[in-house]
């Protein structure tokens, strides 16, 4: 029951950062991170059925993915304001960096 509540409480945060990262930054790395997050939450849930120490890697891995999505969202927002105020667009650079970093999410 406790694990189900934890997953339910983390889900709105996940949806918000996933939506912002996909809309404001890049869709492909955001979708990849979203699929990884769903896999990690399943690992967290299954780990909770055993000993509690088995769920810790899934929990920490999920937090790292949420951080990646949050940083993508912040980069997208900063790029929007740079375009709006200064006219300089870094969208191609941000997409290249996030596409290069997203496979690193597979490292445990």
N, C-alpha and C. Protein backbone atom coordinates (compact mmCIF):
# COMPACT_ATOMS: atom_id res chain seq x y z
N UNK A 1 0.82 -1.19 0.00
CA UNK A 1 0.00 0.00 0.00
C UNK A 1 0.87 1.26 0.00
N UNK A 2 1.93 1.25 0.78
CA UNK A 2 2.82 2.41 0.89
C UNK A 2 3.50 2.68 -0.46
N UNK A 3 3.94 1.64 -1.16
CA UNK A 3 4.59 1.81 -2.45
C UNK A 3 3.61 2.38 -3.48
N UNK A 4 2.39 1.91 -3.44
CA UNK A 4 1.37 2.42 -4.36
C UNK A 4 1.11 3.91 -4.12
N UNK A 5 1.10 4.31 -2.86
CA UNK A 5 0.93 5.73 -2.55
C UNK A 5 2.12 6.56 -3.04
N UNK A 6 3.33 6.02 -2.86
CA UNK A 6 4.52 6.73 -3.34
C UNK A 6 4.47 6.94 -4.85
N UNK A 7 4.05 5.90 -5.57
CA UNK A 7 3.95 6.02 -7.02
C UNK A 7 2.87 7.04 -7.40
N UNK A 8 1.77 7.04 -6.68
CA UNK A 8 0.70 7.99 -6.96
C UNK A 8 1.08 9.43 -6.68
N UNK A 9 1.88 9.64 -5.65
CA UNK A 9 2.31 11.00 -5.31
C UNK A 9 3.36 11.52 -6.28
N UNK A 10 4.18 10.64 -6.84
CA UNK A 10 5.23 11.07 -7.76
C UNK A 10 4.72 11.25 -9.19
N UNK A 11 3.57 10.67 -9.51
CA UNK A 11 3.07 10.69 -10.88
C UNK A 11 2.74 12.09 -11.40
N UNK A 12 2.07 12.97 -10.64
CA UNK A 12 1.82 14.32 -11.17
C UNK A 12 3.10 15.11 -11.46
N UNK A 13 4.11 14.95 -10.62
CA UNK A 13 5.38 15.62 -10.86
C UNK A 13 6.01 15.11 -12.15
N UNK A 14 5.96 13.80 -12.33
CA UNK A 14 6.50 13.19 -13.55
C UNK A 14 5.78 13.72 -14.78
N UNK A 15 4.48 13.77 -14.75
CA UNK A 15 3.73 14.25 -15.91
C UNK A 15 4.03 15.71 -16.21
N UNK A 16 4.16 16.53 -15.19
CA UNK A 16 4.44 17.96 -15.40
C UNK A 16 5.80 18.17 -16.05
N UNK A 17 6.84 17.53 -15.54
CA UNK A 17 8.16 17.75 -16.11
C UNK A 17 8.30 17.07 -17.47
N UNK A 18 7.63 15.93 -17.67
CA UNK A 18 7.66 15.27 -18.97
C UNK A 18 7.00 16.15 -20.03
N UNK A 19 5.87 16.72 -19.70
CA UNK A 19 5.14 17.58 -20.63
C UNK A 19 5.96 18.83 -20.95
N UNK A 20 6.50 19.46 -19.94
CA UNK A 20 7.31 20.67 -20.17
C UNK A 20 8.57 20.37 -20.96
N UNK A 21 9.25 19.28 -20.64
CA UNK A 21 10.48 18.93 -21.36
C UNK A 21 10.19 18.61 -22.82
N UNK A 22 9.12 17.89 -23.08
CA UNK A 22 8.78 17.55 -24.45
C UNK A 22 8.31 18.75 -25.25
N UNK A 23 7.59 19.63 -24.62
CA UNK A 23 7.04 20.79 -25.32
C UNK A 23 8.09 21.88 -25.53
N UNK A 24 8.89 22.15 -24.52
CA UNK A 24 9.80 23.28 -24.57
C UNK A 24 11.22 22.93 -25.03
N UNK A 25 11.60 21.67 -24.95
CA UNK A 25 12.99 21.33 -25.26
C UNK A 25 13.07 20.38 -26.46
N UNK A 26 12.88 19.11 -26.24
CA UNK A 26 13.00 18.14 -27.32
C UNK A 26 12.12 16.93 -26.99
N UNK A 27 11.39 16.46 -27.98
CA UNK A 27 10.42 15.40 -27.73
C UNK A 27 11.06 14.02 -27.59
N UNK A 28 12.05 13.70 -28.43
CA UNK A 28 12.62 12.36 -28.41
C UNK A 28 13.33 12.03 -27.09
N UNK A 29 14.24 12.87 -26.58
CA UNK A 29 14.85 12.54 -25.29
C UNK A 29 13.83 12.54 -24.15
N UNK A 30 12.83 13.40 -24.23
CA UNK A 30 11.81 13.42 -23.18
C UNK A 30 10.99 12.13 -23.20
N UNK A 31 10.65 11.65 -24.39
CA UNK A 31 9.91 10.40 -24.49
C UNK A 31 10.75 9.22 -24.01
N UNK A 32 12.03 9.22 -24.35
CA UNK A 32 12.93 8.16 -23.89
C UNK A 32 13.02 8.17 -22.37
N UNK A 33 13.19 9.35 -21.79
CA UNK A 33 13.26 9.45 -20.34
C UNK A 33 11.94 9.05 -19.69
N UNK A 34 10.83 9.37 -20.33
CA UNK A 34 9.53 8.97 -19.80
C UNK A 34 9.36 7.47 -19.78
N UNK A 35 9.77 6.80 -20.85
CA UNK A 35 9.69 5.33 -20.87
C UNK A 35 10.62 4.71 -19.84
N UNK A 36 11.81 5.30 -19.70
CA UNK A 36 12.74 4.80 -18.68
C UNK A 36 12.15 4.98 -17.28
N UNK A 37 11.48 6.10 -17.06
CA UNK A 37 10.89 6.36 -15.75
C UNK A 37 9.80 5.33 -15.43
N UNK A 38 8.98 5.00 -16.42
CA UNK A 38 7.94 3.99 -16.18
C UNK A 38 8.55 2.63 -15.86
N UNK A 39 9.63 2.28 -16.56
CA UNK A 39 10.33 1.03 -16.28
C UNK A 39 10.92 1.04 -14.87
N UNK A 40 11.51 2.16 -14.47
CA UNK A 40 12.14 2.28 -13.15
C UNK A 40 11.09 2.22 -12.05
N UNK A 41 9.94 2.83 -12.26
CA UNK A 41 8.89 2.78 -11.23
C UNK A 41 8.38 1.35 -11.07
N UNK A 42 8.34 0.59 -12.17
CA UNK A 42 7.97 -0.82 -12.06
C UNK A 42 9.03 -1.57 -11.26
N UNK A 43 10.30 -1.27 -11.50
CA UNK A 43 11.38 -1.89 -10.73
C UNK A 43 11.28 -1.51 -9.26
N UNK A 44 10.96 -0.27 -8.99
CA UNK A 44 10.78 0.20 -7.61
C UNK A 44 9.63 -0.55 -6.93
N UNK A 45 8.54 -0.70 -7.65
CA UNK A 45 7.37 -1.37 -7.08
C UNK A 45 7.67 -2.85 -6.79
N UNK A 46 8.31 -3.52 -7.74
CA UNK A 46 8.66 -4.94 -7.54
C UNK A 46 9.69 -5.08 -6.42
N UNK A 47 10.62 -4.14 -6.33
CA UNK A 47 11.61 -4.18 -5.26
C UNK A 47 10.97 -3.99 -3.90
N UNK A 48 9.88 -3.25 -3.84
CA UNK A 48 9.19 -3.03 -2.58
C UNK A 48 8.51 -4.29 -2.08
N UNK A 49 8.18 -5.21 -3.01
CA UNK A 49 7.54 -6.46 -2.60
C UNK A 49 8.52 -7.35 -1.85
N UNK A 50 9.81 -7.23 -2.14
CA UNK A 50 10.84 -7.99 -1.42
C UNK A 50 11.29 -7.20 -0.21
N UNK A 51 12.56 -7.15 -0.02
CA UNK A 51 13.11 -6.34 1.06
C UNK A 51 13.09 -4.87 0.65
N UNK A 52 13.04 -4.00 1.61
CA UNK A 52 12.99 -2.57 1.29
C UNK A 52 14.27 -2.07 0.65
N UNK A 53 15.38 -2.73 0.93
CA UNK A 53 16.64 -2.30 0.32
C UNK A 53 16.66 -2.57 -1.18
N UNK A 54 15.80 -3.47 -1.67
CA UNK A 54 15.75 -3.75 -3.10
C UNK A 54 15.05 -2.63 -3.87
N UNK A 55 14.28 -1.81 -3.19
CA UNK A 55 13.56 -0.73 -3.88
C UNK A 55 14.38 0.55 -3.98
N UNK A 56 15.46 0.65 -3.23
CA UNK A 56 16.26 1.89 -3.22
C UNK A 56 16.88 2.21 -4.58
N UNK A 57 17.47 1.23 -5.31
CA UNK A 57 18.02 1.59 -6.63
C UNK A 57 16.97 2.14 -7.59
N UNK A 58 15.79 1.57 -7.60
CA UNK A 58 14.72 2.07 -8.46
C UNK A 58 14.30 3.48 -8.06
N UNK A 59 14.27 3.73 -6.77
CA UNK A 59 13.89 5.06 -6.28
C UNK A 59 14.91 6.11 -6.70
N UNK A 60 16.19 5.83 -6.51
CA UNK A 60 17.25 6.78 -6.86
C UNK A 60 17.35 6.99 -8.37
N UNK A 61 17.17 5.91 -9.12
CA UNK A 61 17.20 6.01 -10.57
C UNK A 61 16.04 6.87 -11.08
N UNK A 62 14.88 6.73 -10.46
CA UNK A 62 13.72 7.55 -10.82
C UNK A 62 13.95 9.01 -10.52
N UNK A 63 14.59 9.31 -9.41
CA UNK A 63 14.89 10.70 -9.08
C UNK A 63 15.87 11.31 -10.08
N UNK A 64 16.80 10.51 -10.56
CA UNK A 64 17.76 11.00 -11.56
C UNK A 64 17.05 11.32 -12.88
N UNK A 65 16.09 10.51 -13.25
CA UNK A 65 15.34 10.76 -14.48
C UNK A 65 14.47 12.00 -14.34
N UNK A 66 13.85 12.17 -13.18
CA UNK A 66 13.05 13.38 -12.94
C UNK A 66 13.95 14.62 -12.99
N UNK A 67 15.15 14.53 -12.45
CA UNK A 67 16.09 15.65 -12.51
C UNK A 67 16.46 15.97 -13.95
N UNK A 68 16.70 14.95 -14.76
CA UNK A 68 17.02 15.16 -16.18
C UNK A 68 15.86 15.86 -16.89
N UNK A 69 14.63 15.41 -16.66
CA UNK A 69 13.48 16.05 -17.29
C UNK A 69 13.31 17.48 -16.80
N UNK A 70 13.57 17.71 -15.52
CA UNK A 70 13.47 19.06 -14.98
C UNK A 70 14.50 19.99 -15.62
N UNK A 71 15.73 19.51 -15.77
CA UNK A 71 16.77 20.32 -16.39
C UNK A 71 16.46 20.59 -17.86
N UNK A 72 15.85 19.61 -18.54
CA UNK A 72 15.41 19.85 -19.91
C UNK A 72 14.36 20.94 -19.96
N UNK A 73 13.44 20.92 -19.01
CA UNK A 73 12.39 21.94 -18.95
C UNK A 73 12.99 23.32 -18.70
N UNK A 74 13.93 23.41 -17.78
CA UNK A 74 14.58 24.69 -17.47
C UNK A 74 15.34 25.20 -18.70
N UNK A 75 16.04 24.31 -19.40
CA UNK A 75 16.77 24.72 -20.60
C UNK A 75 15.81 25.23 -21.68
N UNK A 76 14.66 24.58 -21.82
CA UNK A 76 13.68 25.04 -22.79
C UNK A 76 13.10 26.39 -22.43
N UNK A 77 12.84 26.61 -21.16
CA UNK A 77 12.31 27.90 -20.71
C UNK A 77 13.35 29.00 -20.90
N UNK A 78 14.60 28.72 -20.54
CA UNK A 78 15.66 29.70 -20.74
C UNK A 78 15.85 30.03 -22.22
N UNK A 79 15.76 29.02 -23.08
CA UNK A 79 15.88 29.27 -24.52
C UNK A 79 14.73 30.14 -25.02
N UNK A 80 13.54 29.90 -24.52
CA UNK A 80 12.39 30.73 -24.92
C UNK A 80 12.63 32.20 -24.56
N UNK A 81 13.09 32.44 -23.36
CA UNK A 81 13.33 33.82 -22.94
C UNK A 81 14.52 34.45 -23.67
N UNK A 82 15.54 33.65 -24.01
CA UNK A 82 16.65 34.18 -24.80
C UNK A 82 16.18 34.60 -26.19
N UNK A 83 15.29 33.81 -26.78
CA UNK A 83 14.74 34.18 -28.09
C UNK A 83 13.87 35.41 -27.96
N UNK A 84 13.06 35.45 -26.93
CA UNK A 84 12.11 36.56 -26.76
C UNK A 84 12.82 37.89 -26.49
N UNK A 85 13.81 37.88 -25.61
CA UNK A 85 14.45 39.14 -25.23
C UNK A 85 15.66 39.50 -26.08
N UNK A 86 16.46 38.52 -26.47
CA UNK A 86 17.72 38.82 -27.15
C UNK A 86 17.75 38.37 -28.61
N UNK A 87 16.82 37.54 -29.02
CA UNK A 87 16.79 37.08 -30.40
C UNK A 87 17.78 35.98 -30.73
N UNK A 88 18.45 35.43 -29.75
CA UNK A 88 19.40 34.34 -30.00
C UNK A 88 18.75 33.01 -29.66
N UNK A 89 18.81 32.08 -30.61
CA UNK A 89 18.14 30.79 -30.46
C UNK A 89 19.19 29.68 -30.29
N UNK A 90 19.11 28.96 -29.20
CA UNK A 90 20.01 27.86 -28.92
C UNK A 90 19.30 26.51 -28.98
N UNK A 91 18.18 26.45 -29.67
CA UNK A 91 17.37 25.23 -29.69
C UNK A 91 18.12 24.05 -30.29
N UNK A 92 18.86 24.26 -31.36
CA UNK A 92 19.60 23.17 -32.00
C UNK A 92 20.67 22.65 -31.05
N UNK A 93 21.34 23.54 -30.35
CA UNK A 93 22.38 23.11 -29.40
C UNK A 93 21.77 22.34 -28.23
N UNK A 94 20.64 22.82 -27.73
CA UNK A 94 19.99 22.14 -26.60
C UNK A 94 19.51 20.77 -27.02
N UNK A 95 18.93 20.65 -28.21
CA UNK A 95 18.47 19.35 -28.69
C UNK A 95 19.63 18.38 -28.88
N UNK A 96 20.75 18.87 -29.37
CA UNK A 96 21.92 18.02 -29.55
C UNK A 96 22.45 17.53 -28.21
N UNK A 97 22.53 18.42 -27.24
CA UNK A 97 23.04 18.05 -25.92
C UNK A 97 22.11 17.07 -25.23
N UNK A 98 20.80 17.32 -25.26
CA UNK A 98 19.87 16.40 -24.59
C UNK A 98 19.81 15.05 -25.29
N UNK A 99 19.95 15.04 -26.61
CA UNK A 99 19.98 13.76 -27.33
C UNK A 99 21.24 12.97 -27.00
N UNK A 100 22.33 13.67 -26.77
CA UNK A 100 23.58 12.99 -26.42
C UNK A 100 23.58 12.51 -24.98
N UNK A 101 22.93 13.24 -24.09
CA UNK A 101 22.93 12.88 -22.68
C UNK A 101 21.89 11.82 -22.33
N UNK A 102 20.79 11.75 -23.07
CA UNK A 102 19.71 10.83 -22.71
C UNK A 102 20.14 9.37 -22.65
N UNK A 103 21.04 8.85 -23.52
CA UNK A 103 21.47 7.46 -23.34
C UNK A 103 22.23 7.22 -22.04
N UNK A 104 22.79 8.28 -21.45
CA UNK A 104 23.50 8.11 -20.18
C UNK A 104 22.53 7.76 -19.04
N UNK A 105 21.23 7.93 -19.27
CA UNK A 105 20.27 7.55 -18.25
C UNK A 105 20.22 6.03 -18.04
N UNK A 106 20.74 5.28 -19.01
CA UNK A 106 20.75 3.83 -18.88
C UNK A 106 21.81 3.32 -17.92
N UNK A 107 22.78 4.16 -17.58
CA UNK A 107 23.83 3.75 -16.65
C UNK A 107 23.26 3.75 -15.23
N UNK A 108 23.31 2.61 -14.55
CA UNK A 108 22.73 2.56 -13.20
C UNK A 108 23.55 3.29 -12.16
